[in-house]
């Protein structure tokens, strides 16, 4: 995984987790990879990986079965949607709007592109 300097690594890993849930790769009550497995997979310190799990557990997206591992919560999908929307609204949309304003791009132009299949 290639990390960006603009956001904490554990949050970028959390984005990856949410994407896996939203894409249906990880389903409700399904066991997810262990902290060590994720640390190895994304090439980070296990403490950084654990910070991701703690963050997502605090958000109600995953839960821990002591001695067994972490699982996607019943509300994991919905909470992933909410978390990703919040990030989009607060971080990505302001940048998009600023760029649109600088380039003189209207909402109508974006809507036309979206409706024409440009978003695929």
N, C-alpha and C. Protein backbone atom coordinates (compact mmCIF):
# COMPACT_ATOMS: atom_id res chain seq x y z
N UNK A 1 0.86 -1.18 0.00
CA UNK A 1 0.00 0.00 0.00
C UNK A 1 0.90 1.23 0.00
N UNK A 2 0.55 2.17 -0.85
CA UNK A 2 1.32 3.41 -0.90
C UNK A 2 0.58 4.48 -0.11
N UNK A 3 1.28 5.06 0.87
CA UNK A 3 0.64 6.02 1.76
C UNK A 3 0.90 7.45 1.32
N UNK A 4 -0.08 8.31 1.62
CA UNK A 4 0.02 9.75 1.34
C UNK A 4 0.45 10.46 2.62
N UNK A 5 1.19 11.54 2.47
CA UNK A 5 1.64 12.30 3.63
C UNK A 5 0.52 13.14 4.24
N UNK A 6 -0.57 13.33 3.50
CA UNK A 6 -1.62 14.25 3.92
C UNK A 6 -2.55 13.69 5.00
N UNK A 7 -2.42 12.41 5.32
CA UNK A 7 -3.33 11.78 6.28
C UNK A 7 -2.57 10.72 7.08
N UNK A 8 -2.95 10.56 8.34
CA UNK A 8 -2.31 9.56 9.19
C UNK A 8 -2.43 8.17 8.56
N UNK A 9 -1.39 7.37 8.70
CA UNK A 9 -1.36 6.04 8.08
C UNK A 9 -2.51 5.17 8.58
N UNK A 10 -2.79 5.21 9.89
CA UNK A 10 -3.85 4.34 10.41
C UNK A 10 -5.21 4.71 9.81
N UNK A 11 -5.43 5.98 9.48
CA UNK A 11 -6.68 6.39 8.85
C UNK A 11 -6.75 5.92 7.39
N UNK A 12 -5.61 5.89 6.72
CA UNK A 12 -5.57 5.38 5.36
C UNK A 12 -5.86 3.88 5.33
N UNK A 13 -5.36 3.16 6.33
CA UNK A 13 -5.65 1.74 6.44
C UNK A 13 -7.14 1.55 6.77
N UNK A 14 -7.68 2.42 7.61
CA UNK A 14 -9.12 2.36 7.94
C UNK A 14 -9.95 2.56 6.67
N UNK A 15 -9.53 3.46 5.78
CA UNK A 15 -10.22 3.66 4.50
C UNK A 15 -10.22 2.36 3.69
N UNK A 16 -9.10 1.66 3.69
CA UNK A 16 -9.00 0.38 2.99
C UNK A 16 -9.99 -0.64 3.58
N UNK A 17 -10.09 -0.68 4.90
CA UNK A 17 -11.03 -1.58 5.56
C UNK A 17 -12.46 -1.26 5.13
N UNK A 18 -12.81 0.04 5.18
CA UNK A 18 -14.16 0.45 4.80
C UNK A 18 -14.46 0.09 3.35
N UNK A 19 -13.48 0.28 2.48
CA UNK A 19 -13.67 -0.09 1.08
C UNK A 19 -13.93 -1.59 0.94
N UNK A 20 -13.19 -2.41 1.69
CA UNK A 20 -13.40 -3.85 1.64
C UNK A 20 -14.82 -4.22 2.10
N UNK A 21 -15.31 -3.51 3.10
CA UNK A 21 -16.67 -3.76 3.59
C UNK A 21 -17.69 -3.29 2.55
N UNK A 22 -17.50 -2.10 2.00
CA UNK A 22 -18.44 -1.54 1.03
C UNK A 22 -18.47 -2.34 -0.28
N UNK A 23 -17.34 -2.92 -0.64
CA UNK A 23 -17.27 -3.74 -1.86
C UNK A 23 -17.76 -5.16 -1.64
N UNK A 24 -18.09 -5.48 -0.39
CA UNK A 24 -18.60 -6.82 -0.08
C UNK A 24 -17.52 -7.87 0.09
N UNK A 25 -16.27 -7.46 0.15
CA UNK A 25 -15.18 -8.41 0.36
C UNK A 25 -15.20 -8.94 1.79
N UNK A 26 -15.62 -8.09 2.73
CA UNK A 26 -15.77 -8.47 4.13
C UNK A 26 -17.23 -8.25 4.50
N UNK A 27 -17.89 -9.27 4.94
CA UNK A 27 -19.32 -9.21 5.24
C UNK A 27 -19.59 -9.20 6.74
N UNK A 28 -20.80 -8.84 7.12
CA UNK A 28 -21.23 -8.80 8.51
C UNK A 28 -20.89 -10.11 9.22
N UNK A 29 -20.33 -9.96 10.40
CA UNK A 29 -19.93 -11.08 11.28
C UNK A 29 -18.84 -11.97 10.68
N UNK A 30 -18.20 -11.51 9.62
CA UNK A 30 -17.09 -12.25 9.03
C UNK A 30 -15.79 -11.83 9.72
N UNK A 31 -14.94 -12.81 9.99
CA UNK A 31 -13.64 -12.53 10.60
C UNK A 31 -12.77 -11.81 9.58
N UNK A 32 -12.09 -10.78 10.04
CA UNK A 32 -11.18 -10.03 9.17
C UNK A 32 -9.75 -10.43 9.52
N UNK A 33 -8.79 -10.10 8.66
CA UNK A 33 -7.40 -10.46 8.95
C UNK A 33 -6.93 -9.92 10.31
N UNK A 34 -6.00 -10.64 10.90
CA UNK A 34 -5.48 -10.23 12.21
C UNK A 34 -4.62 -8.98 12.08
N UNK A 35 -4.34 -8.38 13.23
CA UNK A 35 -3.49 -7.18 13.27
C UNK A 35 -2.14 -7.49 12.62
N UNK A 36 -1.56 -8.61 12.96
CA UNK A 36 -0.25 -8.98 12.39
C UNK A 36 -0.33 -9.19 10.89
N UNK A 37 -1.39 -9.85 10.43
CA UNK A 37 -1.55 -10.08 8.99
C UNK A 37 -1.65 -8.77 8.23
N UNK A 38 -2.44 -7.84 8.76
CA UNK A 38 -2.59 -6.53 8.10
C UNK A 38 -1.27 -5.76 8.14
N UNK A 39 -0.59 -5.80 9.28
CA UNK A 39 0.70 -5.10 9.39
C UNK A 39 1.68 -5.59 8.33
N UNK A 40 1.71 -6.90 8.13
CA UNK A 40 2.60 -7.47 7.11
C UNK A 40 2.12 -7.10 5.71
N UNK A 41 0.82 -7.22 5.48
CA UNK A 41 0.26 -6.95 4.14
C UNK A 41 0.50 -5.52 3.68
N UNK A 42 0.29 -4.55 4.58
CA UNK A 42 0.44 -3.14 4.18
C UNK A 42 1.79 -2.55 4.58
N UNK A 43 2.64 -3.42 5.16
CA UNK A 43 4.01 -3.06 5.51
C UNK A 43 4.09 -1.89 6.50
N UNK A 44 3.40 -2.08 7.64
CA UNK A 44 3.47 -1.09 8.72
C UNK A 44 3.79 -1.81 10.04
N UNK A 45 4.13 -1.03 11.02
CA UNK A 45 4.37 -1.53 12.36
C UNK A 45 3.06 -2.09 12.92
N UNK A 46 3.08 -3.21 13.64
CA UNK A 46 1.85 -3.74 14.24
C UNK A 46 1.12 -2.75 15.14
N UNK A 47 1.85 -1.83 15.76
CA UNK A 47 1.20 -0.80 16.59
C UNK A 47 0.33 0.13 15.74
N UNK A 48 0.80 0.45 14.55
CA UNK A 48 0.01 1.28 13.63
C UNK A 48 -1.24 0.52 13.19
N UNK A 49 -1.08 -0.76 12.87
CA UNK A 49 -2.23 -1.58 12.49
C UNK A 49 -3.22 -1.66 13.64
N UNK A 50 -2.73 -1.85 14.86
CA UNK A 50 -3.61 -1.93 16.02
C UNK A 50 -4.38 -0.63 16.23
N UNK A 51 -3.74 0.47 15.93
CA UNK A 51 -4.42 1.77 16.04
C UNK A 51 -5.61 1.84 15.08
N UNK A 52 -5.47 1.25 13.89
CA UNK A 52 -6.57 1.18 12.93
C UNK A 52 -7.73 0.37 13.51
N UNK A 53 -7.43 -0.78 14.09
CA UNK A 53 -8.46 -1.64 14.66
C UNK A 53 -9.18 -0.93 15.80
N UNK A 54 -8.43 -0.26 16.65
CA UNK A 54 -9.02 0.48 17.77
C UNK A 54 -9.94 1.58 17.26
N UNK A 55 -9.49 2.31 16.26
CA UNK A 55 -10.28 3.39 15.66
C UNK A 55 -11.58 2.85 15.09
N UNK A 56 -11.50 1.77 14.30
CA UNK A 56 -12.70 1.20 13.68
C UNK A 56 -13.62 0.56 14.71
N UNK A 57 -13.05 0.01 15.77
CA UNK A 57 -13.87 -0.54 16.85
C UNK A 57 -14.61 0.59 17.56
N UNK A 58 -13.92 1.70 17.81
CA UNK A 58 -14.56 2.87 18.44
C UNK A 58 -15.69 3.43 17.57
N UNK A 59 -15.55 3.30 16.26
CA UNK A 59 -16.58 3.78 15.32
C UNK A 59 -17.72 2.77 15.15
N UNK A 60 -17.58 1.58 15.73
CA UNK A 60 -18.63 0.56 15.64
C UNK A 60 -18.63 -0.22 14.33
N UNK A 61 -17.54 -0.16 13.59
CA UNK A 61 -17.46 -0.83 12.30
C UNK A 61 -17.00 -2.28 12.47
N UNK A 62 -16.13 -2.51 13.42
CA UNK A 62 -15.67 -3.87 13.72
C UNK A 62 -15.82 -4.11 15.22
N UNK A 63 -15.76 -5.38 15.60
CA UNK A 63 -15.78 -5.73 17.02
C UNK A 63 -14.82 -6.88 17.27
N UNK A 64 -14.43 -7.03 18.52
CA UNK A 64 -13.44 -8.02 18.90
C UNK A 64 -14.10 -9.15 19.69
N UNK A 65 -13.82 -10.38 19.28
CA UNK A 65 -14.19 -11.55 20.09
C UNK A 65 -12.90 -11.99 20.76
N UNK A 66 -12.83 -11.75 22.03
CA UNK A 66 -11.60 -12.00 22.78
C UNK A 66 -11.05 -13.39 22.49
N UNK A 67 -9.78 -13.43 22.10
CA UNK A 67 -9.11 -14.68 21.83
C UNK A 67 -9.37 -15.27 20.46
N UNK A 68 -10.31 -14.68 19.72
CA UNK A 68 -10.66 -15.22 18.40
C UNK A 68 -10.23 -14.26 17.29
N UNK A 69 -10.49 -12.97 17.48
CA UNK A 69 -10.11 -11.99 16.48
C UNK A 69 -11.16 -10.92 16.29
N UNK A 70 -11.01 -10.17 15.22
CA UNK A 70 -11.91 -9.07 14.90
C UNK A 70 -12.86 -9.47 13.79
N UNK A 71 -14.08 -8.91 13.86
CA UNK A 71 -15.15 -9.22 12.93
C UNK A 71 -15.86 -7.94 12.51
N UNK A 72 -16.51 -7.98 11.34
CA UNK A 72 -17.31 -6.85 10.87
C UNK A 72 -18.60 -6.83 11.69
N UNK A 73 -18.94 -5.67 12.22
CA UNK A 73 -20.14 -5.54 13.06
C UNK A 73 -21.42 -5.58 12.22
N UNK A 74 -22.55 -5.76 12.91
CA UNK A 74 -23.85 -5.76 12.24
C UNK A 74 -24.10 -4.47 11.48
N UNK A 75 -23.59 -3.37 12.02
CA UNK A 75 -23.78 -2.06 11.38
C UNK A 75 -22.52 -1.61 10.63
N UNK A 76 -21.60 -2.54 10.41
CA UNK A 76 -20.33 -2.20 9.77
C UNK A 76 -20.48 -1.55 8.41
N UNK A 77 -21.40 -2.07 7.60
CA UNK A 77 -21.61 -1.51 6.27
C UNK A 77 -22.13 -0.08 6.36
N UNK A 78 -23.20 0.12 7.13
CA UNK A 78 -23.81 1.44 7.26
C UNK A 78 -22.85 2.45 7.87
N UNK A 79 -22.11 2.01 8.87
CA UNK A 79 -21.16 2.93 9.52
C UNK A 79 -19.98 3.24 8.62
N UNK A 80 -19.61 2.30 7.76
CA UNK A 80 -18.55 2.56 6.77
C UNK A 80 -19.02 3.61 5.77
N UNK A 81 -20.27 3.49 5.32
CA UNK A 81 -20.84 4.49 4.42
C UNK A 81 -20.81 5.86 5.07
N UNK A 82 -21.26 5.94 6.32
CA UNK A 82 -21.29 7.23 7.03
C UNK A 82 -19.90 7.82 7.19
N UNK A 83 -18.94 6.98 7.54
CA UNK A 83 -17.57 7.45 7.74
C UNK A 83 -16.98 7.95 6.43
N UNK A 84 -17.19 7.20 5.34
CA UNK A 84 -16.66 7.61 4.04
C UNK A 84 -17.36 8.89 3.53
N UNK A 85 -18.67 9.01 3.77
CA UNK A 85 -19.38 10.23 3.37
C UNK A 85 -18.84 11.44 4.13
N UNK A 86 -18.67 11.26 5.43
CA UNK A 86 -18.15 12.36 6.26
C UNK A 86 -16.79 12.82 5.75
N UNK A 87 -15.92 11.87 5.45
CA UNK A 87 -14.60 12.21 4.92
C UNK A 87 -14.73 12.92 3.58
N UNK A 88 -15.58 12.41 2.71
CA UNK A 88 -15.78 13.03 1.39
C UNK A 88 -16.28 14.46 1.53
N UNK A 89 -17.31 14.65 2.36
CA UNK A 89 -17.88 15.99 2.54
C UNK A 89 -16.88 16.97 3.14
N UNK A 90 -16.08 16.51 4.10
CA UNK A 90 -15.19 17.41 4.83
C UNK A 90 -13.82 17.60 4.20
N UNK A 91 -13.36 16.62 3.42
CA UNK A 91 -11.99 16.71 2.90
C UNK A 91 -11.93 16.80 1.39
N UNK A 92 -12.67 15.97 0.71
CA UNK A 92 -12.54 15.90 -0.75
C UNK A 92 -13.42 16.90 -1.48
N UNK A 93 -14.65 17.06 -1.02
CA UNK A 93 -15.59 17.97 -1.69
C UNK A 93 -15.11 19.42 -1.68
N UNK A 94 -14.57 19.95 -0.57
CA UNK A 94 -14.07 21.33 -0.62
C UNK A 94 -12.97 21.53 -1.68
N UNK A 95 -12.10 20.54 -1.84
CA UNK A 95 -11.04 20.62 -2.85
C UNK A 95 -11.66 20.61 -4.25
N UNK A 96 -12.64 19.72 -4.45
CA UNK A 96 -13.33 19.65 -5.74
C UNK A 96 -14.01 20.98 -6.06
N UNK A 97 -14.74 21.54 -5.10
CA UNK A 97 -15.43 22.81 -5.33
C UNK A 97 -14.45 23.94 -5.63
N UNK A 98 -13.33 23.96 -4.92
CA UNK A 98 -12.32 25.00 -5.17
C UNK A 98 -11.78 24.88 -6.59
N UNK A 99 -11.47 23.66 -7.01
CA UNK A 99 -10.96 23.42 -8.36
C UNK A 99 -12.00 23.79 -9.41
N UNK A 100 -13.25 23.43 -9.16
CA UNK A 100 -14.32 23.78 -10.09
C UNK A 100 -14.43 25.30 -10.24
N UNK A 101 -14.34 25.99 -9.12
CA UNK A 101 -14.44 27.46 -9.16
C UNK A 101 -13.27 28.06 -9.93
N UNK A 102 -12.07 27.57 -9.66
CA UNK A 102 -10.88 28.08 -10.35
C UNK A 102 -10.95 27.86 -11.86
N UNK A 103 -11.53 26.72 -12.26
CA UNK A 103 -11.58 26.38 -13.68
C UNK A 103 -12.89 26.78 -14.36
N UNK A 104 -13.81 27.33 -13.58
CA UNK A 104 -15.08 27.76 -14.15
C UNK A 104 -15.96 26.59 -14.58
N UNK A 105 -15.89 25.50 -13.85
CA UNK A 105 -16.70 24.32 -14.16
C UNK A 105 -17.99 24.39 -13.36
N UNK A 106 -19.11 24.22 -14.03
CA UNK A 106 -20.41 24.30 -13.35
C UNK A 106 -20.84 22.93 -12.84
N UNK A 107 -21.77 22.96 -11.90
CA UNK A 107 -22.37 21.72 -11.39
C UNK A 107 -23.05 20.98 -12.55
N UNK A 108 -23.66 21.73 -13.46
CA UNK A 108 -24.33 21.13 -14.61
C UNK A 108 -23.34 20.33 -15.47
N UNK A 109 -22.15 20.88 -15.68
CA UNK A 109 -21.14 20.17 -16.46
C UNK A 109 -20.76 18.85 -15.78
N UNK A 110 -20.59 18.90 -14.47
CA UNK A 110 -20.25 17.69 -13.71
C UNK A 110 -21.40 16.68 -13.79
N UNK A 111 -22.63 17.17 -13.65
CA UNK A 111 -23.79 16.28 -13.73
C UNK A 111 -23.88 15.63 -15.11
N UNK A 112 -23.63 16.41 -16.16
CA UNK A 112 -23.66 15.86 -17.51
C UNK A 112 -22.60 14.77 -17.70
N UNK A 113 -21.39 15.02 -17.18
CA UNK A 113 -20.33 14.02 -17.26
C UNK A 113 -20.71 12.76 -16.49
N UNK A 114 -21.26 12.97 -15.32
CA UNK A 114 -21.68 11.84 -14.47
C UNK A 114 -22.74 11.00 -15.18
N UNK A 115 -23.74 11.67 -15.73
CA UNK A 115 -24.85 10.98 -16.41
C UNK A 115 -24.43 10.32 -17.72
N UNK A 116 -23.37 10.80 -18.33
CA UNK A 116 -22.91 10.22 -19.60
C UNK A 116 -22.06 8.96 -19.40
N UNK A 117 -21.85 8.58 -18.14
CA UNK A 117 -21.09 7.38 -17.89
C UNK A 117 -19.62 7.64 -17.62
N UNK A 118 -19.23 8.89 -17.52
CA UNK A 118 -17.84 9.28 -17.28
C UNK A 118 -17.33 8.74 -15.95
N UNK A 119 -18.25 8.45 -15.04
CA UNK A 119 -17.89 8.02 -13.67
C UNK A 119 -17.53 6.55 -13.57
N UNK A 120 -17.49 5.82 -14.65
CA UNK A 120 -17.23 4.37 -14.60
C UNK A 120 -15.77 4.05 -14.46
